[in-house]
N, C-alpha and C. Protein backbone atom coordinates (compact mmCIF):
# COMPACT_ATOMS: atom_id res chain seq x y z
N UNK A 1 20.23 -3.53 -14.42
CA UNK A 1 19.49 -4.23 -13.41
C UNK A 1 19.98 -5.68 -13.28
N UNK A 2 20.27 -6.29 -14.42
CA UNK A 2 20.76 -7.67 -14.41
C UNK A 2 22.10 -7.75 -13.71
N UNK A 3 23.01 -6.81 -14.01
CA UNK A 3 24.33 -6.84 -13.36
C UNK A 3 24.21 -6.58 -11.86
N UNK A 4 23.28 -5.74 -11.47
CA UNK A 4 23.07 -5.50 -10.03
C UNK A 4 22.54 -6.77 -9.35
N UNK A 5 21.62 -7.47 -10.00
CA UNK A 5 21.11 -8.73 -9.45
C UNK A 5 22.24 -9.75 -9.34
N UNK A 6 23.11 -9.80 -10.35
CA UNK A 6 24.28 -10.69 -10.29
C UNK A 6 25.17 -10.34 -9.10
N UNK A 7 25.44 -9.04 -8.94
CA UNK A 7 26.32 -8.58 -7.86
C UNK A 7 25.73 -8.91 -6.49
N UNK A 8 24.41 -8.88 -6.38
CA UNK A 8 23.75 -9.17 -5.11
C UNK A 8 23.53 -10.66 -4.89
N UNK A 9 23.81 -11.46 -5.92
CA UNK A 9 23.65 -12.90 -5.79
C UNK A 9 22.22 -13.38 -5.84
N UNK A 10 21.34 -12.58 -6.45
CA UNK A 10 19.92 -12.96 -6.51
C UNK A 10 19.45 -13.20 -7.95
N UNK A 11 20.35 -13.22 -8.90
CA UNK A 11 19.93 -13.34 -10.30
C UNK A 11 19.20 -14.65 -10.57
N UNK A 12 19.47 -15.68 -9.80
CA UNK A 12 18.77 -16.95 -9.98
C UNK A 12 17.31 -16.89 -9.56
N UNK A 13 16.93 -15.84 -8.83
CA UNK A 13 15.56 -15.69 -8.37
C UNK A 13 14.75 -14.73 -9.23
N UNK A 14 15.38 -14.15 -10.25
CA UNK A 14 14.72 -13.16 -11.09
C UNK A 14 14.71 -13.61 -12.54
N UNK A 15 13.68 -13.17 -13.25
CA UNK A 15 13.64 -13.37 -14.71
C UNK A 15 13.28 -12.04 -15.34
N UNK A 16 14.12 -11.60 -16.22
CA UNK A 16 13.84 -10.40 -17.01
C UNK A 16 13.41 -10.90 -18.37
N UNK A 17 12.13 -10.82 -18.66
CA UNK A 17 11.62 -11.46 -19.87
C UNK A 17 11.33 -10.50 -21.01
N UNK A 18 11.29 -9.22 -20.75
CA UNK A 18 10.98 -8.28 -21.82
C UNK A 18 9.52 -8.34 -22.22
N UNK A 19 9.24 -7.86 -23.42
CA UNK A 19 7.87 -7.79 -23.92
C UNK A 19 7.31 -9.19 -24.19
N UNK A 20 6.04 -9.36 -23.87
CA UNK A 20 5.37 -10.62 -24.17
C UNK A 20 3.96 -10.34 -24.66
N UNK A 21 3.49 -11.17 -25.55
CA UNK A 21 2.11 -11.08 -26.04
C UNK A 21 1.17 -11.94 -25.21
N UNK A 22 1.71 -12.83 -24.40
CA UNK A 22 0.90 -13.79 -23.64
C UNK A 22 1.01 -13.51 -22.14
N UNK A 23 0.32 -12.46 -21.69
CA UNK A 23 0.40 -12.07 -20.29
C UNK A 23 -0.10 -13.15 -19.33
N UNK A 24 -1.18 -13.87 -19.62
CA UNK A 24 -1.57 -14.93 -18.68
C UNK A 24 -0.46 -15.95 -18.45
N UNK A 25 0.25 -16.32 -19.51
CA UNK A 25 1.36 -17.27 -19.35
C UNK A 25 2.48 -16.66 -18.52
N UNK A 26 2.79 -15.40 -18.77
CA UNK A 26 3.84 -14.73 -18.00
C UNK A 26 3.45 -14.64 -16.53
N UNK A 27 2.20 -14.31 -16.26
CA UNK A 27 1.75 -14.20 -14.87
C UNK A 27 1.76 -15.55 -14.17
N UNK A 28 1.46 -16.61 -14.90
CA UNK A 28 1.48 -17.95 -14.29
C UNK A 28 2.89 -18.36 -13.88
N UNK A 29 3.90 -17.81 -14.52
CA UNK A 29 5.29 -18.13 -14.18
C UNK A 29 5.79 -17.34 -12.96
N UNK A 30 5.06 -16.31 -12.58
CA UNK A 30 5.50 -15.43 -11.50
C UNK A 30 4.89 -15.83 -10.16
N UNK A 31 5.65 -15.66 -9.10
CA UNK A 31 5.11 -15.79 -7.75
C UNK A 31 4.66 -14.42 -7.25
N UNK A 32 5.40 -13.39 -7.64
CA UNK A 32 5.14 -12.02 -7.21
C UNK A 32 5.15 -11.13 -8.45
N UNK A 33 4.21 -10.20 -8.51
CA UNK A 33 4.16 -9.25 -9.61
C UNK A 33 4.35 -7.85 -9.01
N UNK A 34 5.30 -7.11 -9.57
CA UNK A 34 5.59 -5.75 -9.10
C UNK A 34 5.18 -4.77 -10.18
N UNK A 35 4.38 -3.79 -9.80
CA UNK A 35 4.01 -2.69 -10.68
C UNK A 35 4.49 -1.41 -10.00
N UNK A 36 5.74 -1.06 -10.27
CA UNK A 36 6.37 0.08 -9.59
C UNK A 36 6.35 1.31 -10.49
N UNK A 37 5.21 1.59 -11.07
CA UNK A 37 5.11 2.73 -11.98
C UNK A 37 5.34 4.04 -11.23
N UNK A 38 5.94 4.99 -11.93
CA UNK A 38 6.13 6.31 -11.34
C UNK A 38 5.04 7.27 -11.79
N UNK A 39 4.32 6.91 -12.84
CA UNK A 39 3.18 7.69 -13.31
C UNK A 39 1.91 6.93 -12.99
N UNK A 40 0.92 7.60 -12.40
CA UNK A 40 -0.31 6.90 -12.04
C UNK A 40 -1.07 6.39 -13.26
N UNK A 41 -1.67 5.21 -13.11
CA UNK A 41 -2.54 4.64 -14.14
C UNK A 41 -3.98 4.91 -13.73
N UNK A 42 -4.86 5.00 -14.70
CA UNK A 42 -6.25 5.30 -14.41
C UNK A 42 -6.97 4.20 -13.65
N UNK A 43 -6.78 2.95 -14.03
CA UNK A 43 -7.51 1.87 -13.38
C UNK A 43 -6.59 0.86 -12.71
N UNK A 44 -5.50 0.55 -13.27
CA UNK A 44 -4.63 -0.46 -12.68
C UNK A 44 -4.94 -1.86 -13.19
N UNK A 45 -5.16 -1.96 -14.49
CA UNK A 45 -5.53 -3.24 -15.10
C UNK A 45 -4.46 -4.31 -14.86
N UNK A 46 -3.20 -3.92 -14.95
CA UNK A 46 -2.12 -4.88 -14.73
C UNK A 46 -2.23 -5.50 -13.34
N UNK A 47 -2.53 -4.67 -12.36
CA UNK A 47 -2.65 -5.14 -10.98
C UNK A 47 -3.81 -6.12 -10.85
N UNK A 48 -4.96 -5.76 -11.38
CA UNK A 48 -6.15 -6.62 -11.27
C UNK A 48 -5.94 -7.93 -12.03
N UNK A 49 -5.30 -7.87 -13.19
CA UNK A 49 -5.03 -9.11 -13.94
C UNK A 49 -4.14 -10.04 -13.12
N UNK A 50 -3.11 -9.49 -12.48
CA UNK A 50 -2.22 -10.31 -11.66
C UNK A 50 -2.96 -10.88 -10.45
N UNK A 51 -3.82 -10.07 -9.84
CA UNK A 51 -4.62 -10.57 -8.71
C UNK A 51 -5.57 -11.67 -9.17
N UNK A 52 -6.17 -11.49 -10.34
CA UNK A 52 -7.09 -12.50 -10.87
C UNK A 52 -6.38 -13.82 -11.14
N UNK A 53 -5.07 -13.75 -11.39
CA UNK A 53 -4.27 -14.95 -11.60
C UNK A 53 -3.74 -15.49 -10.27
N UNK A 54 -4.14 -14.86 -9.17
CA UNK A 54 -3.75 -15.35 -7.85
C UNK A 54 -2.33 -15.03 -7.45
N UNK A 55 -1.79 -13.96 -7.98
CA UNK A 55 -0.41 -13.60 -7.67
C UNK A 55 -0.35 -12.56 -6.56
N UNK A 56 0.73 -12.60 -5.80
CA UNK A 56 1.01 -11.56 -4.82
C UNK A 56 1.44 -10.33 -5.61
N UNK A 57 0.80 -9.18 -5.36
CA UNK A 57 1.07 -7.97 -6.12
C UNK A 57 1.61 -6.89 -5.20
N UNK A 58 2.67 -6.24 -5.65
CA UNK A 58 3.22 -5.07 -4.99
C UNK A 58 3.13 -3.94 -6.00
N UNK A 59 2.52 -2.82 -5.60
CA UNK A 59 2.34 -1.71 -6.54
C UNK A 59 2.54 -0.38 -5.83
N UNK A 60 2.82 0.63 -6.62
CA UNK A 60 2.94 1.97 -6.06
C UNK A 60 1.55 2.52 -5.76
N UNK A 61 1.47 3.26 -4.67
CA UNK A 61 0.20 3.74 -4.13
C UNK A 61 -0.21 5.06 -4.78
N UNK A 62 -0.58 4.97 -6.03
CA UNK A 62 -1.17 6.11 -6.72
C UNK A 62 -1.93 5.58 -7.93
N UNK A 63 -2.83 6.39 -8.42
CA UNK A 63 -3.64 5.95 -9.54
C UNK A 63 -4.54 4.79 -9.17
N UNK A 64 -4.79 3.94 -10.14
CA UNK A 64 -5.73 2.84 -9.98
C UNK A 64 -5.31 1.77 -8.99
N UNK A 65 -4.02 1.59 -8.77
CA UNK A 65 -3.57 0.53 -7.85
C UNK A 65 -4.13 0.75 -6.46
N UNK A 66 -4.21 2.01 -6.03
CA UNK A 66 -4.77 2.31 -4.71
C UNK A 66 -6.25 1.99 -4.61
N UNK A 67 -6.92 1.93 -5.76
CA UNK A 67 -8.34 1.59 -5.78
C UNK A 67 -8.57 0.08 -5.84
N UNK A 68 -7.57 -0.66 -6.28
CA UNK A 68 -7.77 -2.09 -6.49
C UNK A 68 -7.07 -2.97 -5.46
N UNK A 69 -6.17 -2.37 -4.67
CA UNK A 69 -5.45 -3.13 -3.65
C UNK A 69 -5.85 -2.63 -2.27
N UNK A 70 -6.18 -3.57 -1.40
CA UNK A 70 -6.32 -3.26 0.03
C UNK A 70 -4.98 -3.66 0.64
N UNK A 71 -4.22 -2.65 1.07
CA UNK A 71 -2.84 -2.88 1.50
C UNK A 71 -2.76 -3.93 2.61
N UNK A 72 -1.93 -4.94 2.35
CA UNK A 72 -1.73 -6.01 3.32
C UNK A 72 -2.78 -7.09 3.27
N UNK A 73 -3.82 -6.88 2.46
CA UNK A 73 -4.90 -7.86 2.38
C UNK A 73 -5.04 -8.45 0.97
N UNK A 74 -5.00 -7.60 -0.04
CA UNK A 74 -5.09 -8.09 -1.42
C UNK A 74 -3.87 -7.67 -2.23
N UNK A 75 -2.87 -7.17 -1.56
CA UNK A 75 -1.64 -6.74 -2.21
C UNK A 75 -0.88 -5.84 -1.26
N UNK A 76 0.19 -5.27 -1.77
CA UNK A 76 1.00 -4.37 -0.96
C UNK A 76 1.20 -3.08 -1.74
N UNK A 77 0.96 -1.95 -1.08
CA UNK A 77 1.14 -0.65 -1.69
C UNK A 77 2.36 0.02 -1.09
N UNK A 78 3.17 0.62 -1.95
CA UNK A 78 4.36 1.35 -1.50
C UNK A 78 4.33 2.74 -2.11
N UNK A 79 4.92 3.72 -1.42
CA UNK A 79 4.95 5.07 -1.99
C UNK A 79 5.74 5.11 -3.29
N UNK A 80 5.28 5.86 -4.28
CA UNK A 80 6.01 5.96 -5.54
C UNK A 80 7.43 6.49 -5.30
N UNK A 81 8.40 5.86 -5.92
CA UNK A 81 9.78 6.30 -5.82
C UNK A 81 10.50 5.92 -4.55
N UNK A 82 9.85 5.19 -3.66
CA UNK A 82 10.46 4.80 -2.38
C UNK A 82 11.05 3.40 -2.51
N UNK A 83 12.33 3.35 -2.89
CA UNK A 83 12.99 2.07 -3.15
C UNK A 83 13.05 1.20 -1.90
N UNK A 84 13.25 1.81 -0.73
CA UNK A 84 13.35 1.02 0.50
C UNK A 84 12.02 0.36 0.84
N UNK A 85 10.91 1.09 0.68
CA UNK A 85 9.59 0.49 0.93
C UNK A 85 9.31 -0.64 -0.05
N UNK A 86 9.71 -0.45 -1.29
CA UNK A 86 9.54 -1.51 -2.29
C UNK A 86 10.36 -2.73 -1.90
N UNK A 87 11.60 -2.51 -1.48
CA UNK A 87 12.46 -3.62 -1.05
C UNK A 87 11.87 -4.34 0.16
N UNK A 88 11.33 -3.57 1.10
CA UNK A 88 10.72 -4.18 2.29
C UNK A 88 9.51 -5.03 1.91
N UNK A 89 8.68 -4.52 1.00
CA UNK A 89 7.51 -5.28 0.57
C UNK A 89 7.93 -6.55 -0.16
N UNK A 90 8.96 -6.46 -0.98
CA UNK A 90 9.47 -7.64 -1.68
C UNK A 90 10.02 -8.66 -0.68
N UNK A 91 10.78 -8.20 0.31
CA UNK A 91 11.29 -9.11 1.34
C UNK A 91 10.14 -9.84 2.03
N UNK A 92 9.10 -9.09 2.37
CA UNK A 92 7.95 -9.68 3.04
C UNK A 92 7.28 -10.73 2.15
N UNK A 93 7.04 -10.38 0.90
CA UNK A 93 6.37 -11.30 -0.03
C UNK A 93 7.24 -12.53 -0.32
N UNK A 94 8.54 -12.34 -0.40
CA UNK A 94 9.43 -13.47 -0.66
C UNK A 94 9.50 -14.43 0.52
N UNK A 95 9.14 -13.95 1.70
CA UNK A 95 9.12 -14.81 2.89
C UNK A 95 7.88 -15.70 2.95
N UNK A 96 6.88 -15.45 2.08
CA UNK A 96 5.68 -16.29 2.08
C UNK A 96 6.05 -17.73 1.74
N UNK A 97 5.48 -18.66 2.47
CA UNK A 97 5.63 -20.07 2.11
C UNK A 97 4.73 -20.35 0.90
N UNK A 98 4.92 -21.50 0.30
CA UNK A 98 4.07 -21.89 -0.82
C UNK A 98 2.61 -21.89 -0.39
N UNK A 99 2.34 -22.41 0.79
CA UNK A 99 0.96 -22.47 1.29
C UNK A 99 0.39 -21.06 1.48
N UNK A 100 1.20 -20.14 1.99
CA UNK A 100 0.74 -18.76 2.17
C UNK A 100 0.44 -18.11 0.82
N UNK A 101 1.31 -18.34 -0.17
CA UNK A 101 1.07 -17.77 -1.50
C UNK A 101 -0.20 -18.33 -2.12
N UNK A 102 -0.43 -19.63 -1.96
CA UNK A 102 -1.64 -20.24 -2.52
C UNK A 102 -2.89 -19.69 -1.84
N UNK A 103 -2.85 -19.55 -0.52
CA UNK A 103 -4.00 -18.99 0.21
C UNK A 103 -4.22 -17.54 -0.20
N UNK A 104 -3.14 -16.80 -0.33
CA UNK A 104 -3.22 -15.40 -0.77
C UNK A 104 -3.88 -15.34 -2.14
N UNK A 105 -3.46 -16.22 -3.03
CA UNK A 105 -4.01 -16.25 -4.38
C UNK A 105 -5.50 -16.53 -4.40
N UNK A 106 -5.95 -17.46 -3.59
CA UNK A 106 -7.38 -17.75 -3.51
C UNK A 106 -8.15 -16.52 -3.04
N UNK A 107 -7.59 -15.84 -2.04
CA UNK A 107 -8.25 -14.65 -1.49
C UNK A 107 -8.32 -13.53 -2.53
N UNK A 108 -7.21 -13.29 -3.24
CA UNK A 108 -7.22 -12.19 -4.21
C UNK A 108 -8.10 -12.51 -5.42
N UNK A 109 -8.13 -13.76 -5.84
CA UNK A 109 -9.04 -14.13 -6.94
C UNK A 109 -10.49 -13.88 -6.55
N UNK A 110 -10.84 -14.24 -5.32
CA UNK A 110 -12.21 -14.01 -4.85
C UNK A 110 -12.52 -12.52 -4.78
N UNK A 111 -11.56 -11.73 -4.32
CA UNK A 111 -11.76 -10.28 -4.23
C UNK A 111 -11.96 -9.66 -5.61
N UNK A 112 -11.18 -10.11 -6.59
CA UNK A 112 -11.33 -9.60 -7.96
C UNK A 112 -12.69 -9.99 -8.51
N UNK A 113 -13.08 -11.23 -8.30
CA UNK A 113 -14.38 -11.70 -8.79
C UNK A 113 -15.52 -10.90 -8.16
N UNK A 114 -15.39 -10.62 -6.88
CA UNK A 114 -16.44 -9.89 -6.17
C UNK A 114 -16.51 -8.43 -6.58
N UNK A 115 -15.36 -7.82 -6.84
CA UNK A 115 -15.33 -6.37 -7.05
C UNK A 115 -15.10 -5.91 -8.48
N UNK A 116 -14.51 -6.75 -9.33
CA UNK A 116 -14.11 -6.28 -10.65
C UNK A 116 -14.57 -7.17 -11.80
N UNK A 117 -15.45 -8.11 -11.55
CA UNK A 117 -15.98 -8.93 -12.64
C UNK A 117 -16.93 -8.07 -13.48
N UNK A 118 -17.28 -8.55 -14.64
CA UNK A 118 -18.22 -7.83 -15.49
C UNK A 118 -19.51 -7.57 -14.72
N UNK A 119 -20.01 -8.58 -14.03
CA UNK A 119 -21.25 -8.42 -13.27
C UNK A 119 -21.10 -7.36 -12.18
N UNK A 120 -20.01 -7.39 -11.44
CA UNK A 120 -19.78 -6.41 -10.38
C UNK A 120 -19.71 -5.00 -10.95
N UNK A 121 -19.04 -4.85 -12.08
CA UNK A 121 -18.92 -3.53 -12.69
C UNK A 121 -20.27 -3.05 -13.23
N UNK A 122 -21.08 -3.97 -13.77
CA UNK A 122 -22.41 -3.59 -14.25
C UNK A 122 -23.26 -3.08 -13.09
N UNK A 123 -23.24 -3.80 -11.97
CA UNK A 123 -24.01 -3.37 -10.80
C UNK A 123 -23.52 -2.01 -10.28
N UNK A 124 -22.21 -1.80 -10.31
CA UNK A 124 -21.67 -0.52 -9.85
C UNK A 124 -22.15 0.63 -10.73
N UNK A 125 -22.15 0.42 -12.04
CA UNK A 125 -22.63 1.45 -12.96
C UNK A 125 -24.12 1.71 -12.73
N UNK A 126 -24.90 0.65 -12.58
CA UNK A 126 -26.33 0.82 -12.34
C UNK A 126 -26.60 1.56 -11.03
N UNK A 127 -25.78 1.30 -10.00
CA UNK A 127 -25.93 2.02 -8.73
C UNK A 127 -25.69 3.52 -8.93
N UNK A 128 -24.67 3.86 -9.71
CA UNK A 128 -24.39 5.27 -9.97
C UNK A 128 -25.54 5.91 -10.72
N UNK A 129 -26.05 5.22 -11.75
CA UNK A 129 -27.20 5.75 -12.48
C UNK A 129 -28.39 5.94 -11.56
N UNK A 130 -28.62 4.97 -10.69
CA UNK A 130 -29.72 5.07 -9.73
C UNK A 130 -29.57 6.28 -8.83
N UNK A 131 -28.36 6.52 -8.36
CA UNK A 131 -28.10 7.69 -7.51
C UNK A 131 -28.33 8.99 -8.27
N UNK A 132 -27.94 9.02 -9.53
CA UNK A 132 -28.12 10.23 -10.34
C UNK A 132 -29.59 10.51 -10.62
N UNK A 133 -30.38 9.46 -10.73
CA UNK A 133 -31.80 9.62 -11.04
C UNK A 133 -32.64 9.94 -9.81
N UNK A 134 -32.12 9.65 -8.64
CA UNK A 134 -32.89 9.91 -7.40
C UNK A 134 -32.89 11.37 -7.03
């Protein structure tokens, strides 16, 4: 991947950092977070963590990512295994100005707080229990 980035002349725009124990620090260094998993995840914690840090997120549209991203509003969803769609989403996100990325980040942080905070999840569970008891 590194040699391909070199060949394309984009290696200065990428960082391959490997494993890290400090995900908040890693996310703060990123402008865009890509979760291009080929196997669906149950919830999509990586996606929500990146959104909570105000990052533009591109993820494959299966598993939990489809539940946590509103395509084009709180992130970008691409079909699993579709390299061209992933490239198009990256091109679009890379075209964001600093102001657009900051505004996007404020919006996604608010969406995470509204939908995935401890309080929001508690209310969601209580609603389900209420429906089951009715």
